[in-house]
Amino acid sequence: MEDIELLSPGQRLKKIRKILNVNQEELAGKKFSKNYISMFENDKRKINIINAIYLSDKINKLAKQKGIDINVSASLFLKTEKDIAKDKCLEWLTYIESKNNISIYEINSKLYNVILLSTKYGLDEYKAKALFLKAENEFLRNHFNCAITLFLESVIYYSKLDDYISISDIYKYIGRILYNKGDLKEGLVYFNLAESMLTRNEDIDNSRMEDIKYRKALTFYKLGQYELANNIIQKISNTNDKFLELSNKINDFIAS
């Protein structure tokens, strides 16, 4: 697992100062007093943007003089620990979603770190996403029971955010798992929940809705309830191959 210890703005300055091997007085120069630097490093006072810019410029000049590869921005001394936690969570989640061929270990390590930080700093959005991605990964590996547990946990946090689209996606995933396990009626319950959640959103995503309806129609077809399946499939405007194939199968049974 990565080192995810987060430092306060003052602690960040102190760490950099020690890397540069300069004392507080040298860093303060004519702009600050040594006491100002000391109070900031010990989290007894905050710093404004003007002073943060001065400090970052001074540090970058000292680093260049000493041949040390350091280049800091003023934001390093302005961002809170929670701000840094947000940045790290977003960095890890973006990495996972944008890369292919990542090892299971790397995925789980980064998601573990996101869950750890998001829990500590109350970042529900990132915790929900991490749990969802972890569940999705377990789903793709056919670890269905584990996936359901993680999906349902992520619903808790998405509910706090009123993120009905993500909740709908989760219920659809659970419906798919139950369908694959042969629990067709239970699967229908979750497909209905997925549809219900999606309708709560102001702008309904038609492609998501049609996929839910397709899965409901397919489930009714598997249950032998062909009329119900046909009623649903006829209301879908999408005409790609899988929809047409299901529609033809349903019509064949109705006609026989």
C-alpha atoms as a PDB file:
ATOM      1  CA  MET A   1       0.000   0.000   0.000  1.00  0.00           C
ATOM      2  CA  GLU A   2       1.143   3.562  -0.653  1.00  0.00           C
ATOM      3  CA  ASP A   3       2.248   5.902   2.107  1.00  0.00           C
ATOM      4  CA  ILE A   4      -0.816   8.069   2.566  1.00  0.00           C
ATOM      5  CA  GLU A   5       0.209  10.096   5.589  1.00  0.00           C
ATOM      6  CA  LEU A   6      -1.039  13.620   4.964  1.00  0.00           C
ATOM      7  CA  LEU A   7       0.772  16.599   6.435  1.00  0.00           C
ATOM      8  CA  SER A   8      -0.658  19.958   7.441  1.00  0.00           C
ATOM      9  CA  PRO A   9       0.506  23.000   5.392  1.00  0.00           C
ATOM     10  CA  GLY A  10       2.994  23.932   8.118  1.00  0.00           C
ATOM     11  CA  GLN A  11       4.338  20.391   8.339  1.00  0.00           C
ATOM     12  CA  ARG A  12       4.821  20.383   4.562  1.00  0.00           C
ATOM     13  CA  LEU A  13       6.957  23.514   4.814  1.00  0.00           C
ATOM     14  CA  LYS A  14       8.994  22.023   7.662  1.00  0.00           C
ATOM     15  CA  LYS A  15       9.628  18.837   5.677  1.00  0.00           C
ATOM     16  CA  ILE A  16      10.771  20.782   2.611  1.00  0.00           C
ATOM     17  CA  ARG A  17      12.983  23.069   4.719  1.00  0.00           C
ATOM     18  CA  LYS A  18      14.754  20.031   6.164  1.00  0.00           C
ATOM     19  CA  ILE A  19      15.257  18.572   2.670  1.00  0.00           C
ATOM     20  CA  LEU A  20      16.869  21.877   1.632  1.00  0.00           C
ATOM     21  CA  ASN A  21      18.834  21.948   4.898  1.00  0.00           C
ATOM     22  CA  VAL A  22      17.994  25.599   5.622  1.00  0.00           C
ATOM     23  CA  ASN A  23      16.984  27.109   8.940  1.00  0.00           C
ATOM     24  CA  GLN A  24      13.852  29.145   9.638  1.00  0.00           C
ATOM     25  CA  GLU A  25      15.741  32.434   9.631  1.00  0.00           C
ATOM     26  CA  GLU A  26      17.266  31.771   6.213  1.00  0.00           C
ATOM     27  CA  LEU A  27      13.882  30.894   4.782  1.00  0.00           C
ATOM     28  CA  ALA A  28      12.194  33.910   6.354  1.00  0.00           C
ATOM     29  CA  GLY A  29      14.593  36.393   4.760  1.00  0.00           C
ATOM     30  CA  LYS A  30      13.422  40.005   4.870  1.00  0.00           C
ATOM     31  CA  LYS A  31       9.769  39.130   4.265  1.00  0.00           C
ATOM     32  CA  PHE A  32       9.002  37.285   7.522  1.00  0.00           C
ATOM     33  CA  SER A  33      10.265  36.892  11.020  1.00  0.00           C
ATOM     34  CA  LYS A  34      11.681  33.576  12.190  1.00  0.00           C
ATOM     35  CA  ASN A  35       8.768  33.448  14.635  1.00  0.00           C
ATOM     36  CA  TYR A  36       6.269  33.671  11.741  1.00  0.00           C
ATOM     37  CA  ILE A  37       7.815  30.615  10.073  1.00  0.00           C
ATOM     38  CA  SER A  38       7.918  28.761  13.398  1.00  0.00           C
ATOM     39  CA  MET A  39       4.256  29.450  14.152  1.00  0.00           C
ATOM     40  CA  PHE A  40       3.213  28.365  10.669  1.00  0.00           C
ATOM     41  CA  GLU A  41       5.257  25.167  10.821  1.00  0.00           C
ATOM     42  CA  ASN A  42       3.704  24.304  14.178  1.00  0.00           C
ATOM     43  CA  ASP A  43       0.148  24.931  12.893  1.00  0.00           C
ATOM     44  CA  LYS A  44      -0.357  27.942  15.159  1.00  0.00           C
ATOM     45  CA  ARG A  45      -1.200  30.296  12.321  1.00  0.00           C
ATOM     46  CA  LYS A  46      -2.368  30.168   8.733  1.00  0.00           C
ATOM     47  CA  ILE A  47      -0.786  31.787   5.716  1.00  0.00           C
ATOM     48  CA  ASN A  48      -2.320  34.001   3.033  1.00  0.00           C
ATOM     49  CA  ILE A  49      -1.844  33.567  -0.693  1.00  0.00           C
ATOM     50  CA  ILE A  50       0.664  36.422  -1.045  1.00  0.00           C
ATOM     51  CA  ASN A  51       2.941  34.948   1.598  1.00  0.00           C
ATOM     52  CA  ALA A  52       2.448  31.452   0.169  1.00  0.00           C
ATOM     53  CA  ILE A  53       3.605  32.687  -3.249  1.00  0.00           C
ATOM     54  CA  TYR A  54       6.650  34.330  -1.666  1.00  0.00           C
ATOM     55  CA  LEU A  55       7.556  31.128   0.215  1.00  0.00           C
ATOM     56  CA  SER A  56       7.172  28.894  -2.835  1.00  0.00           C
ATOM     57  CA  ASP A  57       9.346  31.232  -4.929  1.00  0.00           C
ATOM     58  CA  LYS A  58      11.986  31.376  -2.195  1.00  0.00           C
ATOM     59  CA  ILE A  59      12.016  27.582  -1.839  1.00  0.00           C
ATOM     60  CA  ASN A  60      12.305  27.039  -5.590  1.00  0.00           C
ATOM     61  CA  LYS A  61      15.242  29.483  -5.796  1.00  0.00           C
ATOM     62  CA  LEU A  62      17.026  27.827  -2.867  1.00  0.00           C
ATOM     63  CA  ALA A  63      16.435  24.381  -4.401  1.00  0.00           C
ATOM     64  CA  LYS A  64      17.901  25.543  -7.715  1.00  0.00           C
ATOM     65  CA  GLN A  65      20.957  27.014  -5.961  1.00  0.00           C
ATOM     66  CA  LYS A  66      21.541  23.749  -4.104  1.00  0.00           C
ATOM     67  CA  GLY A  67      20.901  21.553  -7.137  1.00  0.00           C
ATOM     68  CA  ILE A  68      17.937  19.853  -5.458  1.00  0.00           C
ATOM     69  CA  ASP A  69      15.016  18.733  -7.634  1.00  0.00           C
ATOM     70  CA  ILE A  70      12.165  20.520  -5.882  1.00  0.00           C
ATOM     71  CA  ASN A  71       9.526  22.709  -7.496  1.00  0.00           C
ATOM     72  CA  VAL A  72       6.597  23.695  -5.299  1.00  0.00           C
ATOM     73  CA  SER A  73       3.557  25.870  -5.879  1.00  0.00           C
ATOM     74  CA  ALA A  74       1.863  28.240  -3.462  1.00  0.00           C
ATOM     75  CA  SER A  75      -1.109  25.870  -3.197  1.00  0.00           C
ATOM     76  CA  LEU A  76       1.060  23.445  -1.222  1.00  0.00           C
ATOM     77  CA  PHE A  77       0.924  25.840   1.726  1.00  0.00           C
ATOM     78  CA  LEU A  78      -2.721  26.806   1.280  1.00  0.00           C
ATOM     79  CA  LYS A  79      -4.451  23.456   0.866  1.00  0.00           C
ATOM     80  CA  THR A  80      -5.774  21.735   3.956  1.00  0.00           C
ATOM     81  CA  GLU A  81      -5.250  18.053   4.675  1.00  0.00           C
ATOM     82  CA  LYS A  82      -8.790  17.446   3.423  1.00  0.00           C
ATOM     83  CA  ASP A  83      -7.977  19.267   0.172  1.00  0.00           C
ATOM     84  CA  ILE A  84      -4.924  17.061  -0.320  1.00  0.00           C
ATOM     85  CA  ALA A  85      -7.010  13.981   0.506  1.00  0.00           C
ATOM     86  CA  LYS A  86      -9.475  14.967  -2.237  1.00  0.00           C
ATOM     87  CA  ASP A  87      -6.629  15.411  -4.708  1.00  0.00           C
ATOM     88  CA  LYS A  88      -5.144  12.019  -3.858  1.00  0.00           C
ATOM     89  CA  CYS A  89      -8.509  10.214  -4.050  1.00  0.00           C
ATOM     90  CA  LEU A  90      -9.266  11.792  -7.419  1.00  0.00           C
ATOM     91  CA  GLU A  91      -5.778  10.929  -8.690  1.00  0.00           C
ATOM     92  CA  TRP A  92      -6.117   7.261  -7.720  1.00  0.00           C
ATOM     93  CA  LEU A  93      -9.667   6.888  -9.053  1.00  0.00           C
ATOM     94  CA  THR A  94      -8.795   8.586 -12.345  1.00  0.00           C
ATOM     95  CA  TYR A  95      -5.769   6.334 -12.732  1.00  0.00           C
ATOM     96  CA  ILE A  96      -7.860   3.191 -12.236  1.00  0.00           C
ATOM     97  CA  GLU A  97     -10.576   4.313 -14.657  1.00  0.00           C
ATOM     98  CA  SER A  98      -8.183   5.517 -17.371  1.00  0.00           C
ATOM     99  CA  LYS A  99      -5.707   2.626 -17.461  1.00  0.00           C
ATOM    100  CA  ASN A 100      -5.960  -0.817 -19.017  1.00  0.00           C
ATOM    101  CA  ASN A 101      -4.165  -3.953 -17.915  1.00  0.00           C
ATOM    102  CA  ILE A 102      -3.753  -2.886 -14.294  1.00  0.00           C
ATOM    103  CA  SER A 103      -3.012  -5.730 -11.905  1.00  0.00           C
ATOM    104  CA  ILE A 104      -5.646  -6.747  -9.379  1.00  0.00           C
ATOM    105  CA  TYR A 105      -3.169  -5.926  -6.619  1.00  0.00           C
ATOM    106  CA  GLU A 106      -2.680  -2.375  -7.911  1.00  0.00           C
ATOM    107  CA  ILE A 107      -6.413  -1.807  -8.277  1.00  0.00           C
ATOM    108  CA  ASN A 108      -7.140  -3.051  -4.767  1.00  0.00           C
ATOM    109  CA  SER A 109      -4.225  -1.094  -3.288  1.00  0.00           C
ATOM    110  CA  LYS A 110      -5.357   2.211  -4.731  1.00  0.00           C
ATOM    111  CA  LEU A 111      -9.015   1.604  -3.902  1.00  0.00           C
ATOM    112  CA  TYR A 112      -8.030   0.659  -0.352  1.00  0.00           C
ATOM    113  CA  ASN A 113      -6.189   3.974  -0.040  1.00  0.00           C
ATOM    114  CA  VAL A 114      -9.195   5.897  -1.381  1.00  0.00           C
ATOM    115  CA  ILE A 115     -11.530   4.169   1.074  1.00  0.00           C
ATOM    116  CA  LEU A 116      -9.098   4.855   3.920  1.00  0.00           C
ATOM    117  CA  LEU A 117      -8.706   8.576   3.168  1.00  0.00           C
ATOM    118  CA  SER A 118     -12.332   9.181   2.234  1.00  0.00           C
ATOM    119  CA  THR A 119     -13.456   7.577   5.491  1.00  0.00           C
ATOM    120  CA  LYS A 120     -11.026   9.638   7.567  1.00  0.00           C
ATOM    121  CA  TYR A 121     -11.939  12.963   5.942  1.00  0.00           C
ATOM    122  CA  GLY A 122     -15.648  12.367   5.298  1.00  0.00           C
ATOM    123  CA  LEU A 123     -15.407  12.323   1.497  1.00  0.00           C
ATOM    124  CA  ASP A 124     -18.582  10.393   0.684  1.00  0.00           C
ATOM    125  CA  GLU A 125     -18.340  10.971  -3.071  1.00  0.00           C
ATOM    126  CA  TYR A 126     -14.956   9.283  -3.289  1.00  0.00           C
ATOM    127  CA  LYS A 127     -15.820   6.485  -0.890  1.00  0.00           C
ATOM    128  CA  ALA A 128     -18.952   5.673  -2.897  1.00  0.00           C
ATOM    129  CA  LYS A 129     -16.954   5.583  -6.136  1.00  0.00           C
ATOM    130  CA  ALA A 130     -14.185   3.432  -4.658  1.00  0.00           C
ATOM    131  CA  LEU A 131     -16.670   0.900  -3.295  1.00  0.00           C
ATOM    132  CA  PHE A 132     -18.479   0.866  -6.642  1.00  0.00           C
ATOM    133  CA  LEU A 133     -15.275   0.244  -8.610  1.00  0.00           C
ATOM    134  CA  LYS A 134     -14.208  -2.446  -6.157  1.00  0.00           C
ATOM    135  CA  ALA A 135     -17.624  -4.112  -6.525  1.00  0.00           C
ATOM    136  CA  GLU A 136     -17.474  -3.812 -10.307  1.00  0.00           C
ATOM    137  CA  ASN A 137     -14.051  -5.448 -10.290  1.00  0.00           C
ATOM    138  CA  GLU A 138     -15.356  -8.335  -8.179  1.00  0.00           C
ATOM    139  CA  PHE A 139     -18.335  -8.650 -10.547  1.00  0.00           C
ATOM    140  CA  LEU A 140     -16.022  -8.954 -13.571  1.00  0.00           C
ATOM    141  CA  ARG A 141     -14.087 -11.682 -11.741  1.00  0.00           C
ATOM    142  CA  ASN A 142     -17.366 -13.561 -11.031  1.00  0.00           C
ATOM    143  CA  HIS A 143     -17.061 -13.020  -7.270  1.00  0.00           C
ATOM    144  CA  PHE A 144     -20.763 -12.280  -7.121  1.00  0.00           C
ATOM    145  CA  ASN A 145     -21.462 -12.478  -3.388  1.00  0.00           C
ATOM    146  CA  CYS A 146     -18.568 -10.143  -2.609  1.00  0.00           C
ATOM    147  CA  ALA A 147     -19.703  -7.803  -5.391  1.00  0.00           C
ATOM    148  CA  ILE A 148     -23.248  -7.586  -4.008  1.00  0.00           C
ATOM    149  CA  THR A 149     -21.949  -6.717  -0.521  1.00  0.00           C
ATOM    150  CA  LEU A 150     -19.739  -3.926  -1.901  1.00  0.00           C
ATOM    151  CA  PHE A 151     -22.452  -2.624  -4.240  1.00  0.00           C
ATOM    152  CA  LEU A 152     -24.934  -2.357  -1.369  1.00  0.00           C
ATOM    153  CA  GLU A 153     -22.367  -0.581   0.798  1.00  0.00           C
ATOM    154  CA  SER A 154     -21.749   1.953  -1.958  1.00  0.00           C
ATOM    155  CA  VAL A 155     -25.512   2.643  -2.132  1.00  0.00           C
ATOM    156  CA  ILE A 156     -25.306   3.989   1.438  1.00  0.00           C
ATOM    157  CA  TYR A 157     -22.922   6.731   0.334  1.00  0.00           C
ATOM    158  CA  TYR A 158     -24.515   7.437  -3.050  1.00  0.00           C
ATOM    159  CA  SER A 159     -27.828   7.886  -1.196  1.00  0.00           C
ATOM    160  CA  LYS A 160     -26.288  10.682   0.869  1.00  0.00           C
ATOM    161  CA  LEU A 161     -25.352  12.394  -2.396  1.00  0.00           C
ATOM    162  CA  ASP A 162     -28.771  11.825  -4.047  1.00  0.00           C
ATOM    163  CA  ASP A 163     -26.878  10.217  -6.932  1.00  0.00           C
ATOM    164  CA  TYR A 164     -29.780   8.297  -8.419  1.00  0.00           C
ATOM    165  CA  ILE A 165     -27.952   7.382 -11.635  1.00  0.00           C
ATOM    166  CA  SER A 166     -25.190   5.569  -9.765  1.00  0.00           C
ATOM    167  CA  ILE A 167     -27.720   3.862  -7.494  1.00  0.00           C
ATOM    168  CA  SER A 168     -29.634   2.754 -10.583  1.00  0.00           C
ATOM    169  CA  ASP A 169     -26.452   1.324 -12.090  1.00  0.00           C
ATOM    170  CA  ILE A 170     -25.797  -0.577  -8.861  1.00  0.00           C
ATOM    171  CA  TYR A 171     -29.276  -2.094  -8.735  1.00  0.00           C
ATOM    172  CA  LYS A 172     -28.925  -3.116 -12.370  1.00  0.00           C
ATOM    173  CA  TYR A 173     -25.641  -4.856 -11.587  1.00  0.00           C
ATOM    174  CA  ILE A 174     -27.270  -6.729  -8.706  1.00  0.00           C
ATOM    175  CA  GLY A 175     -30.155  -7.655 -10.986  1.00  0.00           C
ATOM    176  CA  ARG A 176     -27.672  -9.051 -13.498  1.00  0.00           C
ATOM    177  CA  ILE A 177     -25.942 -11.092 -10.795  1.00  0.00           C
ATOM    178  CA  LEU A 178     -29.239 -12.579  -9.622  1.00  0.00           C
ATOM    179  CA  TYR A 179     -30.259 -13.269 -13.236  1.00  0.00           C
ATOM    180  CA  ASN A 180     -26.967 -15.099 -13.848  1.00  0.00           C
ATOM    181  CA  LYS A 181     -27.514 -17.142 -10.684  1.00  0.00           C
ATOM    182  CA  GLY A 182     -30.987 -18.117 -11.879  1.00  0.00           C
ATOM    183  CA  ASP A 183     -32.848 -16.025  -9.286  1.00  0.00           C
ATOM    184  CA  LEU A 184     -35.000 -14.460 -11.980  1.00  0.00           C
ATOM    185  CA  LYS A 185     -37.786 -13.071  -9.794  1.00  0.00           C
ATOM    186  CA  GLU A 186     -35.289 -11.505  -7.392  1.00  0.00           C
ATOM    187  CA  GLY A 187     -33.435 -10.129 -10.386  1.00  0.00           C
ATOM    188  CA  LEU A 188     -36.642  -8.460 -11.581  1.00  0.00           C
ATOM    189  CA  VAL A 189     -37.003  -6.739  -8.218  1.00  0.00           C
ATOM    190  CA  TYR A 190     -33.627  -5.081  -8.688  1.00  0.00           C
ATOM    191  CA  PHE A 191     -34.251  -4.197 -12.332  1.00  0.00           C
ATOM    192  CA  ASN A 192     -37.448  -2.475 -11.188  1.00  0.00           C
ATOM    193  CA  LEU A 193     -35.476  -0.644  -8.491  1.00  0.00           C
ATOM    194  CA  ALA A 194     -32.928   0.407 -11.107  1.00  0.00           C
ATOM    195  CA  GLU A 195     -35.715   1.782 -13.301  1.00  0.00           C
ATOM    196  CA  SER A 196     -37.330   3.563 -10.358  1.00  0.00           C
ATOM    197  CA  MET A 197     -34.047   5.233  -9.326  1.00  0.00           C
ATOM    198  CA  LEU A 198     -33.369   6.382 -12.872  1.00  0.00           C
ATOM    199  CA  THR A 199     -36.748   8.095 -13.129  1.00  0.00           C
ATOM    200  CA  ARG A 200     -35.873  10.196 -10.060  1.00  0.00           C
ATOM    201  CA  ASN A 201     -33.207  11.979 -12.044  1.00  0.00           C
ATOM    202  CA  GLU A 202     -34.327  15.173 -13.760  1.00  0.00           C
ATOM    203  CA  ASP A 203     -32.781  14.209 -17.096  1.00  0.00           C
ATOM    204  CA  ILE A 204     -33.423  10.536 -17.769  1.00  0.00           C
ATOM    205  CA  ASP A 205     -30.587   8.757 -19.557  1.00  0.00           C
ATOM    206  CA  ASN A 206     -32.395   6.971 -22.394  1.00  0.00           C
ATOM    207  CA  SER A 207     -29.615   4.496 -23.127  1.00  0.00           C
ATOM    208  CA  ARG A 208     -29.538   3.432 -19.468  1.00  0.00           C
ATOM    209  CA  MET A 209     -33.322   3.172 -19.355  1.00  0.00           C
ATOM    210  CA  GLU A 210     -33.524   1.086 -22.509  1.00  0.00           C
ATOM    211  CA  ASP A 211     -30.859  -1.302 -21.223  1.00  0.00           C
ATOM    212  CA  ILE A 212     -32.858  -1.794 -18.005  1.00  0.00           C
ATOM    213  CA  LYS A 213     -36.022  -2.415 -19.999  1.00  0.00           C
ATOM    214  CA  TYR A 214     -34.178  -4.895 -22.208  1.00  0.00           C
ATOM    215  CA  ARG A 215     -33.026  -6.831 -19.143  1.00  0.00           C
ATOM    216  CA  LYS A 216     -36.546  -6.815 -17.712  1.00  0.00           C
ATOM    217  CA  ALA A 217     -37.945  -8.098 -20.995  1.00  0.00           C
ATOM    218  CA  LEU A 218     -35.257 -10.784 -21.141  1.00  0.00           C
ATOM    219  CA  THR A 219     -36.076 -11.885 -17.605  1.00  0.00           C
ATOM    220  CA  PHE A 220     -39.796 -12.097 -18.307  1.00  0.00           C
ATOM    221  CA  TYR A 221     -38.941 -14.081 -21.432  1.00  0.00           C
ATOM    222  CA  LYS A 222     -36.879 -16.530 -19.361  1.00  0.00           C
ATOM    223  CA  LEU A 223     -39.808 -16.806 -16.918  1.00  0.00           C
ATOM    224  CA  GLY A 224     -42.084 -17.717 -19.812  1.00  0.00           C
ATOM    225  CA  GLN A 225     -44.156 -14.541 -19.438  1.00  0.00           C
ATOM    226  CA  TYR A 226     -43.995 -13.677 -23.131  1.00  0.00           C
ATOM    227  CA  GLU A 227     -46.786 -11.097 -23.253  1.00  0.00           C
ATOM    228  CA  LEU A 228     -45.175  -9.034 -20.480  1.00  0.00           C
ATOM    229  CA  ALA A 229     -41.802  -9.354 -22.212  1.00  0.00           C
ATOM    230  CA  ASN A 230     -43.353  -8.257 -25.509  1.00  0.00           C
ATOM    231  CA  ASN A 231     -45.063  -5.216 -23.930  1.00  0.00           C
ATOM    232  CA  ILE A 232     -41.721  -4.013 -22.631  1.00  0.00           C
ATOM    233  CA  ILE A 233     -39.641  -4.733 -25.733  1.00  0.00           C
ATOM    234  CA  GLN A 234     -42.137  -2.934 -27.978  1.00  0.00           C
ATOM    235  CA  LYS A 235     -41.599   0.283 -26.018  1.00  0.00           C
ATOM    236  CA  ILE A 236     -37.858   0.275 -26.700  1.00  0.00           C
ATOM    237  CA  SER A 237     -36.817   2.459 -29.616  1.00  0.00           C
ATOM    238  CA  ASN A 238     -33.345   0.933 -29.906  1.00  0.00           C
ATOM    239  CA  THR A 239     -33.095  -1.452 -32.853  1.00  0.00           C
ATOM    240  CA  ASN A 240     -29.661  -2.994 -32.438  1.00  0.00           C
ATOM    241  CA  ASP A 241     -29.087  -6.718 -32.901  1.00  0.00           C
ATOM    242  CA  LYS A 242     -29.629  -7.893 -29.319  1.00  0.00           C
ATOM    243  CA  PHE A 243     -32.962  -6.057 -29.041  1.00  0.00           C
ATOM    244  CA  LEU A 244     -34.157  -7.397 -32.402  1.00  0.00           C
ATOM    245  CA  GLU A 245     -33.038 -10.917 -31.519  1.00  0.00           C
ATOM    246  CA  LEU A 246     -34.979 -10.879 -28.260  1.00  0.00           C
ATOM    247  CA  SER A 247     -38.021  -9.357 -29.949  1.00  0.00           C
ATOM    248  CA  ASN A 248     -38.005 -12.115 -32.585  1.00  0.00           C
ATOM    249  CA  LYS A 249     -37.708 -14.845 -29.936  1.00  0.00           C
ATOM    250  CA  ILE A 250     -40.628 -13.404 -27.994  1.00  0.00           C
ATOM    251  CA  ASN A 251     -42.788 -13.117 -31.110  1.00  0.00           C
ATOM    252  CA  ASP A 252     -41.976 -16.704 -32.090  1.00  0.00           C
ATOM    253  CA  PHE A 253     -43.264 -17.986 -28.728  1.00  0.00           C
ATOM    254  CA  ILE A 254     -46.365 -15.788 -28.860  1.00  0.00           C
ATOM    255  CA  ALA A 255     -47.149 -16.976 -32.399  1.00  0.00           C
ATOM    256  CA  SER A 256     -46.609 -20.676 -31.583  1.00  0.00           C
END
